[in-house]
Amino acid sequence: MNTRLFTYTLPLLLMGPNAAWSEVCDKEVPSWAPQQGSVDTIDELLFFTTPLGIFLIFLCLVSTRFPNRLLRLSNTAISTLIAAFLLSEWLFPDAVYQSAVQEGCRSSPILVIFALLLIAVAPFVKNRLRSQHL
């Protein structure tokens, strides 16, 4: 009786965690396919092709063009919050993020964090340069 129970439960036990871990990349990065190879740091910059990334670039451009303090502050707040989230996810990864890095569908987000911080300070630098030329 124990042999029969062992025979039927062993495949179920072996299938459970493997199926969950193999679908990590489907959940983390749905557009990634294993045929594309592992993701590098440059590929993480594709964040700026998402609707949120396009919105941040647009907000940065608008806030540098029009000297409105509310636009600059909202641009800085949103960009800094996203950069802080990415940094905390990178420095304190959970099991899903770690397995996504091991499978090759995630990489270091350091370039995205750097670009977000540049987007956050660009309107203030532009405003400072504008006020010095006047």
Protein backbone atom coordinates (compact mmCIF):
# COMPACT_ATOMS: atom_id res chain seq x y z
CA MET A 1 0.00 0.00 0.00
CA ASN A 2 2.82 2.46 0.80
CA THR A 3 4.50 1.75 -2.53
CA ARG A 4 1.31 2.62 -4.41
CA LEU A 5 0.90 5.87 -2.45
CA PHE A 6 4.54 6.75 -3.10
CA THR A 7 4.18 5.96 -6.80
CA TYR A 8 1.18 8.27 -7.21
CA THR A 9 2.34 11.16 -5.04
CA LEU A 10 5.95 11.40 -6.21
CA PRO A 11 5.12 12.76 -9.70
CA LEU A 12 2.77 15.32 -8.17
CA LEU A 13 5.40 16.48 -5.72
CA LEU A 14 8.03 16.78 -8.42
CA MET A 15 5.75 18.68 -10.79
CA GLY A 16 4.59 21.31 -8.30
CA PRO A 17 7.64 23.54 -7.67
CA ASN A 18 9.15 23.02 -11.12
CA ALA A 19 6.01 24.20 -12.87
CA ALA A 20 5.84 27.25 -10.64
CA TRP A 21 9.50 28.19 -11.13
CA SER A 22 9.51 27.66 -14.88
CA GLU A 23 6.69 30.16 -15.35
CA VAL A 24 8.48 32.97 -13.52
CA CYS A 25 9.51 34.71 -16.70
CA ASP A 26 5.97 34.49 -18.06
CA LYS A 27 4.82 36.47 -15.03
CA GLU A 28 7.75 38.86 -14.65
CA VAL A 29 8.43 39.71 -18.31
CA PRO A 30 5.57 38.50 -20.54
CA SER A 31 7.20 39.76 -23.75
CA TRP A 32 10.43 37.78 -23.16
CA ALA A 33 10.97 34.50 -24.99
CA PRO A 34 13.73 32.01 -24.15
CA GLN A 35 14.89 32.10 -27.78
CA GLN A 36 15.93 35.74 -27.27
CA GLY A 37 18.64 34.73 -24.81
CA SER A 38 19.32 36.27 -21.46
CA VAL A 39 18.50 39.90 -20.82
CA ASP A 40 21.37 42.30 -20.21
CA THR A 41 21.46 45.73 -18.61
CA ILE A 42 20.83 47.53 -21.91
CA ASP A 43 17.69 45.46 -22.52
CA GLU A 44 16.27 46.71 -19.23
CA LEU A 45 16.05 50.16 -20.86
CA LEU A 46 13.05 48.84 -22.76
CA PHE A 47 11.15 50.06 -19.71
CA PHE A 48 10.94 53.39 -21.53
CA THR A 49 8.90 51.82 -24.33
CA THR A 50 6.09 50.94 -21.92
CA PRO A 51 3.20 53.38 -21.42
CA LEU A 52 4.61 54.45 -18.03
CA GLY A 53 8.05 55.08 -19.53
CA ILE A 54 6.60 57.07 -22.42
CA PHE A 55 4.52 59.10 -19.95
CA LEU A 56 7.62 59.89 -17.88
CA ILE A 57 9.57 61.03 -20.93
CA PHE A 58 6.61 63.17 -22.05
CA LEU A 59 6.23 64.65 -18.55
CA CYS A 60 9.94 65.44 -18.47
CA LEU A 61 9.78 67.17 -21.85
CA VAL A 62 6.70 69.17 -20.89
CA SER A 63 8.14 70.17 -17.52
CA THR A 64 11.40 71.32 -19.12
CA ARG A 65 9.56 73.33 -21.77
CA PHE A 66 7.05 75.05 -19.49
CA PRO A 67 8.43 76.51 -16.26
CA ASN A 68 5.68 75.24 -13.99
CA ARG A 69 6.74 74.18 -10.49
CA LEU A 70 3.92 71.66 -10.13
CA LEU A 71 4.97 69.89 -13.34
CA ARG A 72 8.58 69.75 -12.20
CA LEU A 73 7.67 68.42 -8.77
CA SER A 74 5.30 65.78 -10.14
CA ASN A 75 7.94 64.67 -12.65
CA THR A 76 10.53 64.41 -9.89
CA ALA A 77 8.20 62.63 -7.47
CA ILE A 78 7.02 60.01 -9.97
CA SER A 79 10.49 59.34 -11.39
CA THR A 80 12.10 59.13 -7.95
CA LEU A 81 9.42 56.79 -6.61
CA ILE A 82 9.82 54.41 -9.54
CA ALA A 83 13.62 54.55 -9.20
CA ALA A 84 13.33 53.84 -5.45
CA PHE A 85 11.03 50.90 -6.14
CA LEU A 86 13.42 49.44 -8.72
CA LEU A 87 16.37 49.97 -6.41
CA SER A 88 14.65 48.29 -3.48
CA GLU A 89 13.56 45.40 -5.70
CA TRP A 90 17.15 45.02 -6.88
CA LEU A 91 18.82 45.33 -3.47
CA PHE A 92 16.27 43.23 -1.55
CA PRO A 93 15.02 40.69 -4.10
CA ASP A 94 12.28 38.19 -3.37
CA ALA A 95 12.36 34.59 -4.58
CA VAL A 96 10.47 35.40 -7.79
CA TYR A 97 12.87 38.18 -8.78
CA GLN A 98 15.92 36.03 -7.98
CA SER A 99 14.64 33.14 -10.05
CA ALA A 100 13.83 35.52 -12.93
CA VAL A 101 17.44 36.73 -12.86
CA GLN A 102 18.67 33.13 -12.76
CA GLU A 103 16.49 32.18 -15.73
CA GLY A 104 17.79 35.16 -17.68
CA CYS A 105 14.67 37.24 -18.20
CA ARG A 106 15.67 40.02 -15.74
CA SER A 107 18.94 41.87 -15.26
CA SER A 108 20.39 44.70 -13.24
CA PRO A 109 18.17 47.80 -13.46
CA ILE A 110 21.02 50.22 -12.74
CA LEU A 111 20.79 51.99 -16.12
CA VAL A 112 17.02 52.42 -15.75
CA ILE A 113 17.50 53.84 -12.24
CA PHE A 114 20.17 56.23 -13.53
CA ALA A 115 17.95 57.34 -16.43
CA LEU A 116 15.00 57.87 -14.08
CA LEU A 117 17.12 60.04 -11.80
CA LEU A 118 18.27 62.05 -14.83
CA ILE A 119 14.63 62.50 -15.84
CA ALA A 120 13.88 63.61 -12.27
CA VAL A 121 16.52 66.35 -12.17
CA ALA A 122 16.45 67.50 -15.82
CA PRO A 123 13.65 70.07 -15.41
CA PHE A 124 15.39 71.65 -12.42
CA VAL A 125 18.70 71.86 -14.27
CA LYS A 126 16.96 73.38 -17.29
CA ASN A 127 15.17 75.90 -15.08
CA ARG A 128 18.44 76.81 -13.36
CA LEU A 129 20.16 77.32 -16.71
CA ARG A 130 17.20 79.35 -17.95
CA SER A 131 17.36 81.66 -14.91
CA GLN A 132 21.13 82.18 -15.27
CA HIS A 133 20.78 83.28 -18.89
CA LEU A 134 18.15 85.90 -18.08
